[in-house]
Amino acid sequence: MSKLGNFVWGIADQLRGVYKPHQYGSVILPFTVLRRLDCILEPTRDEVASLAEKFTDGALDVQVKRKTGLAFFNTSPFTFATLLEDPEGLRANLVDYLTGFSSNIDVFERFKFDNELATLDEKNRLYLVTSQFAGIDLHPDTVSNAEMGDLFEHLIFKFAEASNEEAGEHYTPRDAIRLMVDLLFAEDSIGLMEPGTVRTIYDPTAGTGGMLSVAEERLIERNPEARLRLYGQEINDQSYAICKSDMIAKGQDVGNIKLGDTLAEDHFFDRTFDFCMSNPPYGVDWKASQETVKREALTQNSRFSHGLPSIGDGQMLFLSHLASKMRPAHEGGGRAGIVLNGSPLFNGAAESGPSMIRQWLLESDLVEAIIALPTNMFFNTDIATYIWLLDNTKQPERVGKIQLIDATTFWTKMRKSLGKKSREIDADARGRILELYDQFDEADPDFSKVFTADDFAYWTVTVERPLLTDTGKVSTDRSGNPKPDPKKRDTENIPFTYGGNADGAMAKTATIKAYFEAEVLPHLPEAWIDEKKTKVGYEIPFTRHFYKYVPPRPLAEIDADLEKQVAKILELLREVEGSR
């Protein structure tokens, strides 16, 4: 596929001078989509033309679907080959060709392709580019759906690289997607193998459709008779256009790919799904959506009623959104996977929005597992990332439990880095992670551990110390109680599990009392706890649970190394002195 990708990329040589490198995608991508659709339609063109003479509008849609099996068509008499027969009228004929598509093909409007055709025509490049694409066979018999997805991925990365753009905003590496898909399918393996089985999968940040495509590929690899219905929503016009084009080519329902801001307007508000997956942007604010999000947060049991993150990072909103899009338990249940950076594990103090979201997910027993991925896995970031797995119908042995898997060392170095991606999870590493997940135990505690929600819960208590007068006496209120000194006020986080205490109100009082007497009073005998200010918090200190102590090097070894370095320096100095 890299050969084909390089060939298509090479067509961009015709654009030099007219476009800057970061603008090449606005021409190359829609032309690639157009040529793909042209190749798909070629075998049925005469039949569609005949039907178009008898039927119009919706009736034509139905007839084309019935006769050809295609969910789209083009009634224009032109093809890539015939377009080239009239160089002078090429632009007008291309526009006519575009208007001949069925109404569900709105992708070229989103590419703003008319503008590019006008520019290419004005600069005498239109015929050159069109003829180059006419020479590529992109029929599915020649270039499979999977290869087409790889081609889109290759081109998008190249264009992002040329513009110093964050390539990861557009797509997720396929090795990461394969891992997430395999984890999602792991608990439905028997059902997915049944002949004719049908499942739905949804991505609210669909990008160019990479996650959806890989999910379909992985399912068909296991069961060629299975059917996965793909649904997605994407905010970026160009990415939406590519995603929708790819879904059309796969024979998916074109209406299942929507354009818009998922946070501000859920176009699938009345649907839930068997599987959900997402790789939302990290550290991106949600100011544009805040009015809708905050209004919806006021409605009980809505997508965002369980807590709101800071306005500067919206990824936890997508986490909450996915939890709401899983098929309800009484309808068979659903599973979700989402890639997040480290901050949703621990950001926010007790009873802050992020902590409340974690509390809701953990207390509702929706978090099944969290897998730490290797760094340098994604094109646009080298920071730590994690896959969160959600499930509202857990297997009996997993009920009330959360599994943490440390897969940070399960990687293979790539021969050539792509952006910041220098590592990949190969088939062996993916198999090892799935094995740890399936075992669901702590037989290998360096890599897998199992917890309960209480293991991540804590109370934040406010510790007060008395305010002293100028003479050093304790200042009291009218009731004779000591006044607190705001400057000496402090807080302590007390784990629910401190001292091994059980759940319950009495346990709370006893646990806090035991902690205070053991950890605070020996150092501050005059202190007390203001019980009215006690708050509940939840955090998942992933790295702490998998911390591996590395002892410092022995001093003798360090001294020996220093002596070697000093000897080298002295030898170099002697050489310098001798050369004078």
Protein backbone atom coordinates (compact mmCIF):
# COMPACT_ATOMS: atom_id res chain seq x y z
CA MET A 1 0.00 0.00 0.00
CA SER A 2 2.91 2.37 0.57
CA LYS A 3 3.70 2.03 -3.16
CA LEU A 4 0.19 3.13 -4.11
CA GLY A 5 0.28 5.83 -1.46
CA ASN A 6 3.55 7.17 -2.80
CA PHE A 7 2.11 7.16 -6.33
CA VAL A 8 -0.94 9.17 -5.29
CA TRP A 9 1.26 11.47 -3.22
CA GLY A 10 3.46 11.89 -6.27
CA ILE A 11 0.52 13.42 -8.13
CA ALA A 12 0.94 16.35 -5.77
CA ASP A 13 4.03 17.29 -7.80
CA GLN A 14 1.57 18.78 -10.30
CA LEU A 15 0.41 21.18 -7.57
CA ARG A 16 3.73 22.79 -6.74
CA GLY A 17 3.72 26.53 -7.11
CA VAL A 18 -0.08 26.70 -7.17
CA TYR A 19 -0.50 25.20 -3.69
CA LYS A 20 1.70 25.05 -0.64
CA PRO A 21 2.50 21.54 0.65
CA HIS A 22 0.06 21.75 3.53
CA GLN A 23 -2.73 22.55 1.03
CA TYR A 24 -2.17 19.49 -1.18
CA GLY A 25 -4.70 17.43 0.75
CA SER A 26 -7.59 19.67 -0.30
CA VAL A 27 -7.03 18.44 -3.87
CA ILE A 28 -5.55 14.96 -3.52
CA LEU A 29 -8.04 13.60 -0.97
CA PRO A 30 -11.29 14.46 -2.82
CA PHE A 31 -9.80 13.32 -6.12
CA THR A 32 -8.86 10.00 -4.48
CA VAL A 33 -12.42 9.61 -3.15
CA LEU A 34 -13.91 10.58 -6.52
CA ARG A 35 -11.76 8.06 -8.37
CA ARG A 36 -12.68 5.34 -5.84
CA LEU A 37 -16.39 6.00 -6.33
CA ASP A 38 -15.95 6.18 -10.10
CA CYS A 39 -14.32 2.73 -10.12
CA ILE A 40 -17.05 1.24 -7.91
CA LEU A 41 -19.82 2.60 -10.14
CA GLU A 42 -18.27 1.67 -13.47
CA PRO A 43 -19.77 -1.87 -13.79
CA THR A 44 -23.34 -0.61 -13.11
CA ARG A 45 -23.21 2.70 -14.99
CA ASP A 46 -25.33 1.60 -17.96
CA GLU A 47 -27.92 -0.07 -15.74
CA VAL A 48 -28.24 3.06 -13.58
CA ALA A 49 -28.60 5.25 -16.68
CA SER A 50 -31.45 3.04 -17.85
CA LEU A 51 -33.16 3.22 -14.46
CA ALA A 52 -32.74 7.01 -14.36
CA GLU A 53 -34.85 7.27 -17.52
CA LYS A 54 -37.76 5.61 -15.71
CA PHE A 55 -37.46 6.73 -12.09
CA THR A 56 -36.54 9.87 -10.11
CA ASP A 57 -35.78 10.92 -6.53
CA GLY A 58 -36.57 8.33 -3.86
CA ALA A 59 -37.93 5.81 -6.34
CA LEU A 60 -34.61 5.84 -8.17
CA ASP A 61 -32.76 5.29 -4.90
CA VAL A 62 -34.86 2.21 -4.17
CA GLN A 63 -34.50 0.79 -7.68
CA VAL A 64 -30.72 1.26 -7.80
CA LYS A 65 -30.36 -0.42 -4.41
CA ARG A 66 -32.57 -3.30 -5.54
CA LYS A 67 -30.88 -3.82 -8.91
CA THR A 68 -27.22 -3.12 -8.09
CA GLY A 69 -26.96 -3.49 -4.32
CA LEU A 70 -25.34 -0.06 -4.11
CA ALA A 71 -26.60 2.62 -1.73
CA PHE A 72 -25.45 5.45 -4.04
CA PHE A 73 -25.22 6.18 -7.74
CA ASN A 74 -24.29 8.77 -10.38
CA THR A 75 -26.54 9.66 -13.29
CA SER A 76 -23.98 11.79 -15.14
CA PRO A 77 -22.92 10.47 -18.57
CA PHE A 78 -19.29 11.23 -17.74
CA THR A 79 -16.55 8.94 -16.46
CA PHE A 80 -12.91 9.71 -15.76
CA ALA A 81 -12.08 8.40 -19.21
CA THR A 82 -14.66 10.48 -21.09
CA LEU A 83 -13.92 13.59 -19.06
CA LEU A 84 -10.45 13.68 -20.58
CA GLU A 85 -11.86 13.70 -24.12
CA ASP A 86 -12.87 17.36 -23.71
CA PRO A 87 -9.93 19.25 -22.13
CA GLU A 88 -11.51 22.65 -22.73
CA GLY A 89 -14.75 21.74 -21.00
CA LEU A 90 -13.15 19.64 -18.25
CA ARG A 91 -14.04 21.87 -15.32
CA ALA A 92 -17.69 22.29 -16.35
CA ASN A 93 -17.99 18.59 -17.06
CA LEU A 94 -16.43 17.67 -13.70
CA VAL A 95 -18.97 19.90 -11.94
CA ASP A 96 -21.73 18.17 -13.93
CA TYR A 97 -20.27 14.83 -12.92
CA LEU A 98 -20.33 15.81 -9.24
CA THR A 99 -23.94 16.98 -9.40
CA GLY A 100 -24.89 13.61 -10.87
CA PHE A 101 -24.29 11.83 -7.56
CA SER A 102 -27.22 10.73 -5.44
CA SER A 103 -28.20 13.16 -2.68
CA ASN A 104 -26.59 11.04 0.04
CA ILE A 105 -23.14 11.82 -1.39
CA ASP A 106 -22.51 15.19 0.26
CA VAL A 107 -18.79 14.64 0.74
CA PHE A 108 -17.55 16.87 -2.07
CA GLU A 109 -19.43 19.84 -0.63
CA ARG A 110 -17.54 19.26 2.64
CA PHE A 111 -14.26 19.09 0.74
CA LYS A 112 -15.25 22.43 -0.91
CA PHE A 113 -14.15 20.72 -4.08
CA ASP A 114 -15.72 23.26 -6.49
CA ASN A 115 -13.26 25.88 -5.24
CA GLU A 116 -10.31 23.59 -5.88
CA LEU A 117 -11.52 22.75 -9.40
CA ALA A 118 -11.73 26.48 -10.18
CA THR A 119 -8.19 27.04 -8.90
CA LEU A 120 -6.76 24.06 -10.79
CA ASP A 121 -8.49 25.16 -13.98
CA GLU A 122 -7.26 28.74 -13.67
CA LYS A 123 -3.68 27.59 -13.09
CA ASN A 124 -3.79 25.05 -15.94
CA ARG A 125 -3.38 22.05 -13.65
CA LEU A 126 -6.82 20.44 -13.84
CA TYR A 127 -6.21 18.22 -16.86
CA LEU A 128 -2.83 17.05 -15.53
CA VAL A 129 -4.25 16.02 -12.15
CA THR A 130 -7.40 14.41 -13.59
CA SER A 131 -5.39 12.38 -16.11
CA GLN A 132 -3.06 11.15 -13.36
CA PHE A 133 -5.99 9.89 -11.27
CA ALA A 134 -7.62 8.35 -14.35
CA GLY A 135 -4.57 6.09 -14.55
CA ILE A 136 -5.17 4.54 -11.10
CA ASP A 137 -7.45 1.52 -10.71
CA LEU A 138 -9.13 1.89 -7.30
CA HIS A 139 -11.87 -0.71 -7.80
CA PRO A 140 -12.39 -2.87 -4.67
CA ASP A 141 -11.27 -5.94 -6.64
CA THR A 142 -7.88 -4.23 -7.08
CA VAL A 143 -7.66 -2.19 -3.88
CA SER A 144 -9.54 -3.75 -0.97
CA ASN A 145 -11.46 -1.77 1.60
CA ALA A 146 -8.68 -2.41 4.11
CA GLU A 147 -6.04 -1.21 1.65
CA MET A 148 -8.14 1.85 0.88
CA GLY A 149 -8.21 2.66 4.56
CA ASP A 150 -4.44 2.31 4.67
CA LEU A 151 -4.16 4.62 1.65
CA PHE A 152 -6.26 7.30 3.32
CA GLU A 153 -4.20 6.92 6.49
CA HIS A 154 -0.94 7.28 4.56
CA LEU A 155 -2.10 10.38 2.68
CA ILE A 156 -3.54 12.10 5.73
CA PHE A 157 -0.35 11.58 7.68
CA LYS A 158 1.75 12.94 4.85
CA PHE A 159 -0.40 16.07 4.57
CA ALA A 160 -0.41 16.58 8.33
CA GLU A 161 3.35 16.15 8.39
CA ALA A 162 3.76 18.73 5.62
CA SER A 163 1.77 21.29 7.58
CA ASN A 164 3.28 20.48 10.99
CA GLU A 165 -0.25 19.57 11.99
CA GLU A 166 -1.14 17.24 14.79
CA ALA A 167 -1.69 14.09 12.75
CA GLY A 168 -3.24 12.32 15.71
CA GLU A 169 -6.25 14.62 15.48
CA HIS A 170 -7.21 12.76 12.33
CA TYR A 171 -6.63 9.10 13.04
CA THR A 172 -5.41 6.52 15.51
CA PRO A 173 -2.61 4.01 14.73
CA ARG A 174 -4.04 0.71 13.62
CA ASP A 175 -2.08 -1.37 16.12
CA ALA A 176 -3.75 0.54 18.96
CA ILE A 177 -7.16 0.14 17.33
CA ARG A 178 -6.68 -3.60 16.84
CA LEU A 179 -5.89 -3.99 20.54
CA MET A 180 -8.95 -2.01 21.58
CA VAL A 181 -11.22 -3.90 19.18
CA ASP A 182 -9.94 -7.28 20.39
CA LEU A 183 -10.54 -6.23 23.99
CA LEU A 184 -14.05 -5.02 23.13
CA PHE A 185 -14.93 -8.26 21.36
CA ALA A 186 -13.35 -10.47 24.05
CA GLU A 187 -16.52 -10.90 26.14
CA ASP A 188 -18.77 -11.56 23.14
CA SER A 189 -16.55 -14.06 21.35
CA ILE A 190 -19.15 -16.86 21.18
CA GLY A 191 -22.00 -14.66 19.98
CA LEU A 192 -19.81 -13.01 17.35
CA MET A 193 -19.05 -16.40 15.79
CA GLU A 194 -22.70 -17.30 15.15
CA PRO A 195 -23.67 -17.38 11.44
CA GLY A 196 -25.41 -14.18 10.35
CA THR A 197 -24.77 -12.38 13.64
CA VAL A 198 -25.31 -8.61 13.54
CA ARG A 199 -23.75 -6.07 15.90
CA THR A 200 -23.53 -2.27 16.02
CA ILE A 201 -20.47 -0.15 16.79
CA TYR A 202 -20.25 3.61 17.28
CA ASP A 203 -17.46 6.19 17.32
CA PRO A 204 -18.40 9.74 18.43
CA THR A 205 -15.02 11.08 17.26
CA ALA A 206 -14.91 9.10 14.04
CA GLY A 207 -12.18 11.07 12.26
CA THR A 208 -11.58 9.41 8.90
CA GLY A 209 -13.24 6.19 10.09
CA GLY A 210 -10.14 4.19 10.99
CA MET A 211 -11.56 2.71 14.19
CA LEU A 212 -14.79 1.67 12.54
CA SER A 213 -12.97 0.14 9.58
CA VAL A 214 -10.58 -1.89 11.71
CA ALA A 215 -13.46 -3.12 13.88
CA GLU A 216 -15.27 -4.39 10.79
CA GLU A 217 -12.10 -6.02 9.44
CA ARG A 218 -11.38 -7.80 12.73
CA LEU A 219 -14.91 -9.18 12.98
CA ILE A 220 -15.00 -10.43 9.37
CA GLU A 221 -11.58 -12.07 9.87
CA ARG A 222 -13.18 -14.15 12.63
CA ASN A 223 -16.57 -14.67 11.04
CA PRO A 224 -17.04 -13.82 7.34
CA GLU A 225 -20.80 -14.26 7.78
CA ALA A 226 -21.03 -11.63 10.52
CA ARG A 227 -22.28 -8.12 9.95
CA LEU A 228 -21.12 -5.04 11.84
CA ARG A 229 -23.17 -1.90 11.35
CA LEU A 230 -20.96 1.17 11.63
CA TYR A 231 -22.07 4.48 13.14
CA GLY A 232 -20.01 7.62 13.62
CA GLN A 233 -20.04 11.35 14.15
CA GLU A 234 -17.24 13.74 13.22
CA ILE A 235 -16.85 17.49 13.62
CA ASN A 236 -14.16 18.15 10.98
CA ASP A 237 -15.60 18.58 7.47
CA GLN A 238 -12.71 16.99 5.62
CA SER A 239 -12.39 14.02 7.98
CA TYR A 240 -16.17 13.53 7.80
CA ALA A 241 -16.00 13.54 4.00
CA ILE A 242 -13.29 10.86 3.98
CA CYS A 243 -15.04 8.74 6.61
CA LYS A 244 -18.37 8.88 4.84
CA SER A 245 -16.77 8.08 1.48
CA ASP A 246 -15.07 5.05 3.00
CA MET A 247 -18.32 3.85 4.59
CA ILE A 248 -20.15 4.24 1.27
CA ALA A 249 -17.51 2.17 -0.48
CA LYS A 250 -17.94 -0.58 2.15
CA GLY A 251 -21.67 -0.79 1.53
CA GLN A 252 -22.55 0.66 4.92
CA ASP A 253 -25.67 2.79 5.43
CA VAL A 254 -24.59 6.26 4.35
CA GLY A 255 -26.97 7.84 6.87
CA ASN A 256 -25.04 6.34 9.78
CA ILE A 257 -22.18 8.86 9.47
CA LYS A 258 -23.12 12.28 10.81
CA LEU A 259 -21.42 15.67 10.74
CA GLY A 260 -21.35 17.76 13.90
CA ASP A 261 -20.06 18.40 17.41
CA THR A 262 -20.91 15.32 19.46
CA LEU A 263 -20.76 17.21 22.76
CA ALA A 264 -23.07 19.98 21.60
CA GLU A 265 -25.43 17.80 19.56
CA ASP A 266 -25.62 14.03 19.75
CA HIS A 267 -27.04 13.01 16.35
CA PHE A 268 -27.69 9.54 17.77
CA PHE A 269 -29.47 10.76 20.90
CA ASP A 270 -32.15 8.09 20.51
CA ARG A 271 -29.76 5.15 19.96
CA THR A 272 -27.46 2.95 21.98
CA PHE A 273 -24.95 0.42 20.65
CA ASP A 274 -23.42 -3.00 21.25
CA PHE A 275 -19.91 -1.53 21.09
CA CYS A 276 -18.57 2.01 21.39
CA MET A 277 -15.03 3.26 20.88
CA SER A 278 -13.26 6.60 20.73
CA ASN A 279 -9.92 8.38 20.75
CA PRO A 280 -10.98 11.92 21.68
CA PRO A 281 -8.59 14.88 21.55
CA TYR A 282 -6.50 15.39 24.70
CA GLY A 283 -6.27 18.73 26.45
CA VAL A 284 -8.71 20.44 24.06
CA ASP A 285 -11.21 22.86 25.60
CA TRP A 286 -14.97 22.50 25.21
CA LYS A 287 -15.84 26.21 25.25
CA ALA A 288 -17.78 25.95 22.00
CA SER A 289 -20.03 23.28 23.53
CA GLN A 290 -20.29 24.56 27.09
CA GLU A 291 -23.75 26.12 26.85
CA THR A 292 -25.33 22.87 25.67
CA VAL A 293 -23.21 20.67 27.94
CA LYS A 294 -23.99 22.69 31.08
CA ARG A 295 -27.69 22.80 30.25
CA GLU A 296 -27.77 19.04 29.72
CA ALA A 297 -25.82 18.49 32.96
CA LEU A 298 -28.83 19.88 34.86
CA THR A 299 -31.03 17.00 33.63
CA GLN A 300 -30.88 13.99 35.93
CA ASN A 301 -29.21 10.87 34.47
CA SER A 302 -28.23 12.68 31.29
CA ARG A 303 -24.87 12.27 29.54
CA PHE A 304 -23.19 14.91 31.67
CA SER A 305 -25.21 14.98 34.88
CA HIS A 306 -22.57 13.08 36.87
CA GLY A 307 -19.90 15.80 36.77
CA LEU A 308 -18.10 18.20 34.47
CA PRO A 309 -14.32 18.43 33.93
CA SER A 310 -12.44 21.70 33.68
CA ILE A 311 -13.26 23.77 30.60
CA GLY A 312 -9.68 23.25 29.37
CA ASP A 313 -9.94 19.49 28.73
CA GLY A 314 -13.03 17.77 27.37
CA GLN A 315 -11.86 14.16 27.16
CA MET A 316 -13.79 13.10 30.28
CA LEU A 317 -16.96 14.41 28.63
CA PHE A 318 -16.42 11.84 25.89
CA LEU A 319 -15.86 9.20 28.58
CA SER A 320 -19.23 10.09 30.11
CA HIS A 321 -20.83 10.23 26.67
CA LEU A 322 -19.64 6.73 25.76
CA ALA A 323 -20.97 5.33 29.03
CA SER A 324 -24.40 6.66 28.05
CA LYS A 325 -24.24 5.14 24.55
CA MET A 326 -23.79 1.51 25.65
CA ARG A 327 -26.84 -0.66 25.04
CA PRO A 328 -28.72 -0.88 28.38
CA ALA A 329 -28.24 -3.98 30.50
CA HIS A 330 -31.90 -5.00 30.17
CA GLU A 331 -31.45 -5.04 26.37
CA GLY A 332 -28.36 -7.22 26.49
CA GLY A 333 -25.76 -4.68 27.55
CA GLY A 334 -22.92 -2.91 25.79
CA ARG A 335 -19.18 -2.38 25.96
CA ALA A 336 -17.05 0.69 25.31
CA GLY A 337 -13.36 1.41 24.85
CA ILE A 338 -11.76 4.83 24.92
CA VAL A 339 -8.15 6.02 24.71
CA LEU A 340 -7.31 8.76 27.22
CA ASN A 341 -4.17 10.32 28.61
CA GLY A 342 -3.27 10.00 32.27
CA SER A 343 -5.16 12.97 33.70
CA PRO A 344 -8.65 11.35 33.88
CA LEU A 345 -7.18 8.81 36.30
CA PHE A 346 -6.47 11.34 39.01
CA ASN A 347 -7.16 14.98 38.10
CA GLY A 348 -9.40 17.04 40.32
CA ALA A 349 -9.75 17.11 44.09
CA ALA A 350 -12.47 15.35 46.11
CA GLU A 351 -15.99 16.23 44.87
CA SER A 352 -14.63 18.07 41.84
CA GLY A 353 -16.20 17.30 38.46
CA PRO A 354 -13.55 14.75 37.40
CA SER A 355 -13.64 13.00 40.78
CA MET A 356 -17.43 12.81 40.64
CA ILE A 357 -17.28 11.27 37.16
CA ARG A 358 -14.87 8.62 38.44
CA GLN A 359 -17.08 8.05 41.47
CA TRP A 360 -20.14 7.50 39.27
CA LEU A 361 -18.32 5.11 36.91
CA LEU A 362 -16.73 3.10 39.72
CA GLU A 363 -19.71 2.97 42.07
CA SER A 364 -21.96 2.03 39.12
CA ASP A 365 -19.51 -0.81 38.37
CA LEU A 366 -19.05 0.34 34.75
CA VAL A 367 -15.23 0.25 34.65
CA GLU A 368 -14.05 -3.22 33.72
CA ALA A 369 -10.36 -2.65 33.00
CA ILE A 370 -7.76 0.03 32.33
CA ILE A 371 -4.72 -0.82 30.23
CA ALA A 372 -1.59 1.35 30.27
CA LEU A 373 -0.11 1.53 26.77
CA PRO A 374 3.55 2.07 25.85
CA THR A 375 4.65 5.65 25.30
CA ASN A 376 5.50 6.82 21.77
CA MET A 377 2.51 4.87 20.45
CA PHE A 378 0.68 7.76 18.81
CA PHE A 379 1.64 10.09 15.97
CA ASN A 380 1.11 13.35 17.82
CA THR A 381 2.15 12.61 21.40
CA ASP A 382 4.72 10.65 23.36
CA ILE A 383 2.87 10.92 26.67
CA ALA A 384 1.38 8.03 28.63
CA THR A 385 -1.98 6.81 27.31
CA TYR A 386 -4.54 4.35 28.61
CA ILE A 387 -7.43 2.30 27.25
CA TRP A 388 -10.49 2.38 29.50
CA LEU A 389 -12.87 -0.57 29.04
CA LEU A 390 -16.45 -0.04 30.19
CA ASP A 391 -19.11 -2.76 30.49
CA ASN A 392 -22.61 -2.55 31.98
CA THR A 393 -23.14 -6.35 32.02
CA LYS A 394 -19.91 -7.69 33.46
CA GLN A 395 -19.14 -11.39 33.65
CA PRO A 396 -20.00 -12.75 37.15
CA GLU A 397 -16.35 -13.02 38.22
CA ARG A 398 -15.74 -9.38 37.27
CA VAL A 399 -18.73 -7.87 39.08
CA GLY A 400 -17.52 -5.26 41.58
CA LYS A 401 -13.93 -5.56 40.30
CA ILE A 402 -11.62 -3.36 38.22
CA GLN A 403 -8.57 -4.83 36.49
CA LEU A 404 -5.47 -2.75 35.84
CA ILE A 405 -3.01 -4.01 33.22
CA ASP A 406 0.44 -2.49 32.80
CA ALA A 407 1.34 -3.02 29.13
CA THR A 408 3.90 -0.20 28.97
CA THR A 409 6.72 -2.62 28.15
CA PHE A 410 4.82 -4.62 25.52
CA TRP A 411 6.13 -2.93 22.38
CA THR A 412 8.38 -3.39 19.37
CA LYS A 413 10.56 -0.64 17.97
CA MET A 414 9.49 0.49 14.50
CA ARG A 415 12.04 0.53 11.71
CA LYS A 416 11.01 4.09 10.87
CA SER A 417 9.27 6.54 13.16
CA LEU A 418 6.06 8.23 12.01
CA GLY A 419 5.89 11.56 13.78
CA LYS A 420 6.30 10.73 17.45
CA LYS A 421 5.24 7.13 16.91
CA SER A 422 8.37 4.98 17.20
CA ARG A 423 6.81 1.92 18.88
CA GLU A 424 4.05 -0.49 17.96
CA ILE A 425 2.08 -3.27 19.61
CA ASP A 426 2.63 -6.30 17.39
CA ALA A 427 0.54 -9.49 17.34
CA ASP A 428 2.61 -11.15 20.09
CA ALA A 429 2.26 -8.17 22.43
CA ARG A 430 -1.45 -7.94 21.70
CA GLY A 431 -1.79 -11.64 22.49
CA ARG A 432 0.03 -11.18 25.80
CA ILE A 433 -2.27 -8.31 26.82
CA LEU A 434 -5.37 -10.30 25.90
CA GLU A 435 -4.04 -13.26 27.88
CA LEU A 436 -3.60 -11.11 30.99
CA TYR A 437 -7.11 -9.75 30.48
CA ASP A 438 -8.61 -13.23 30.06
CA GLN A 439 -6.81 -14.62 33.12
CA PHE A 440 -8.25 -11.83 35.28
CA ASP A 441 -6.04 -12.52 38.27
CA GLU A 442 -2.86 -11.41 39.98
CA ALA A 443 -0.78 -14.45 39.06
CA ASP A 444 1.55 -11.98 37.32
CA PRO A 445 1.28 -8.93 39.62
CA ASP A 446 3.97 -7.03 37.75
CA PHE A 447 1.49 -6.65 34.91
CA SER A 448 -2.04 -7.33 36.19
CA LYS A 449 -3.84 -6.39 39.40
CA VAL A 450 -7.49 -6.52 40.46
CA PHE A 451 -9.20 -3.95 42.70
CA THR A 452 -12.59 -2.88 44.02
CA ALA A 453 -14.07 0.61 43.81
CA ASP A 454 -13.23 1.19 47.49
CA ASP A 455 -9.54 0.75 46.69
CA PHE A 456 -9.72 4.02 44.75
CA ALA A 457 -11.92 5.96 47.19
CA TYR A 458 -10.82 8.34 49.93
CA TRP A 459 -12.10 10.98 52.30
CA THR A 460 -10.53 14.42 52.29
CA VAL A 461 -10.71 15.70 55.87
CA THR A 462 -9.94 19.22 57.01
CA VAL A 463 -7.49 19.40 59.91
CA GLU A 464 -7.75 22.52 62.06
CA ARG A 465 -5.33 23.97 64.61
CA PRO A 466 -6.19 26.63 67.20
CA LEU A 467 -5.76 30.33 66.60
CA LEU A 468 -3.41 31.81 69.19
CA THR A 469 -3.62 35.27 70.69
CA ASP A 470 -0.64 37.64 70.79
CA THR A 471 0.15 36.24 74.22
CA GLY A 472 0.19 32.65 72.96
CA LYS A 473 -3.14 31.62 74.44
CA VAL A 474 -5.80 29.71 72.49
CA SER A 475 -8.48 32.02 71.09
CA THR A 476 -12.02 30.73 71.74
CA ASP A 477 -15.52 31.55 70.50
CA ARG A 478 -18.53 32.39 72.70
CA SER A 479 -19.12 28.72 73.43
CA GLY A 480 -15.58 28.28 74.63
CA ASN A 481 -14.49 26.24 71.63
CA PRO A 482 -11.09 27.01 70.11
CA LYS A 483 -11.18 29.12 66.95
CA PRO A 484 -9.39 27.61 63.93
CA ASP A 485 -6.36 29.36 62.47
CA PRO A 486 -6.96 29.59 58.66
CA LYS A 487 -3.22 29.89 58.04
CA LYS A 488 -2.56 26.55 59.73
CA ARG A 489 -5.51 24.73 58.10
CA ASP A 490 -4.56 21.56 56.25
CA THR A 491 -6.20 18.56 54.60
CA GLU A 492 -5.53 14.83 54.71
CA ASN A 493 -6.66 12.18 52.24
CA ILE A 494 -7.72 9.02 54.05
CA PRO A 495 -8.27 5.85 51.96
CA PHE A 496 -11.56 4.00 52.48
CA THR A 497 -9.44 0.89 53.00
CA TYR A 498 -7.12 2.39 55.63
CA GLY A 499 -6.56 -0.16 58.35
CA GLY A 500 -8.54 -2.79 56.44
CA ASN A 501 -11.91 -1.44 57.61
CA ALA A 502 -15.15 -2.56 55.91
CA ASP A 503 -17.84 -0.42 54.27
CA GLY A 504 -20.51 1.48 56.14
CA ALA A 505 -21.10 4.65 58.12
CA MET A 506 -19.56 3.24 61.29
CA ALA A 507 -16.51 2.20 59.28
CA LYS A 508 -16.16 5.74 57.98
CA THR A 509 -16.12 7.19 61.49
CA ALA A 510 -13.84 4.49 62.82
CA THR A 511 -11.44 4.70 59.87
CA ILE A 512 -11.10 8.48 60.03
CA LYS A 513 -10.67 8.32 63.81
CA ALA A 514 -8.00 5.60 63.56
CA TYR A 515 -6.12 7.51 60.87
CA PHE A 516 -6.27 10.78 62.80
CA GLU A 517 -5.06 9.20 66.01
CA ALA A 518 -2.21 7.35 64.30
CA GLU A 519 -1.05 9.82 61.67
CA VAL A 520 -1.92 13.33 62.93
CA LEU A 521 -2.29 13.58 66.70
CA PRO A 522 1.23 12.29 67.50
CA HIS A 523 2.60 15.29 65.61
CA LEU A 524 -0.17 17.85 66.28
CA PRO A 525 -1.85 16.97 69.60
CA GLU A 526 -3.87 20.22 69.58
CA ALA A 527 -5.44 19.54 66.13
CA TRP A 528 -9.01 18.45 65.39
CA ILE A 529 -11.11 17.55 62.32
CA ASP A 530 -13.89 19.81 61.05
CA GLU A 531 -16.33 17.03 60.16
CA LYS A 532 -18.64 19.38 58.20
CA LYS A 533 -15.93 19.79 55.56
CA THR A 534 -15.24 16.10 54.92
CA LYS A 535 -15.51 15.19 51.23
CA VAL A 536 -15.43 11.95 49.23
CA GLY A 537 -12.99 11.58 46.35
CA TYR A 538 -11.94 8.93 43.82
CA GLU A 539 -8.65 8.59 42.00
CA ILE A 540 -6.85 5.73 40.24
CA PRO A 541 -3.12 6.03 41.00
CA PHE A 542 -2.11 3.62 38.24
CA THR A 543 1.66 4.12 38.29
CA ARG A 544 1.77 3.83 42.08
CA HIS A 545 0.23 0.36 41.93
CA PHE A 546 2.85 -0.81 39.43
CA TYR A 547 5.79 1.06 40.85
CA LYS A 548 8.96 -0.99 40.71
CA TYR A 549 11.71 0.00 43.11
CA VAL A 550 15.10 0.32 41.45
CA PRO A 551 17.88 0.39 44.08
CA PRO A 552 20.56 3.04 43.63
CA ARG A 553 23.93 1.95 42.28
CA PRO A 554 26.49 0.99 44.94
CA LEU A 555 28.84 3.82 45.86
CA ALA A 556 31.87 1.68 44.99
CA GLU A 557 30.54 1.22 41.45
CA ILE A 558 29.89 4.96 41.07
CA ASP A 559 33.39 5.77 42.41
CA ALA A 560 34.95 3.32 39.95
CA ASP A 561 33.13 4.96 37.02
CA LEU A 562 34.22 8.40 38.18
CA GLU A 563 37.82 7.28 38.42
CA LYS A 564 37.64 5.97 34.84
CA GLN A 565 36.24 9.27 33.59
CA VAL A 566 38.87 11.28 35.49
CA ALA A 567 41.60 9.08 34.00
CA LYS A 568 40.24 9.73 30.48
CA ILE A 569 40.15 13.48 31.10
CA LEU A 570 43.73 13.49 32.42
CA GLU A 571 44.89 11.50 29.39
CA LEU A 572 43.23 14.01 27.04
CA LEU A 573 44.85 16.89 28.90
CA ARG A 574 48.26 15.22 28.56
CA GLU A 575 47.69 14.84 24.81
CA VAL A 576 46.81 18.52 24.54
CA GLU A 577 49.90 19.52 26.53
CA GLY A 578 52.11 17.25 24.39
CA SER A 579 50.88 18.78 21.14
CA ARG A 580 52.02 22.30 22.05
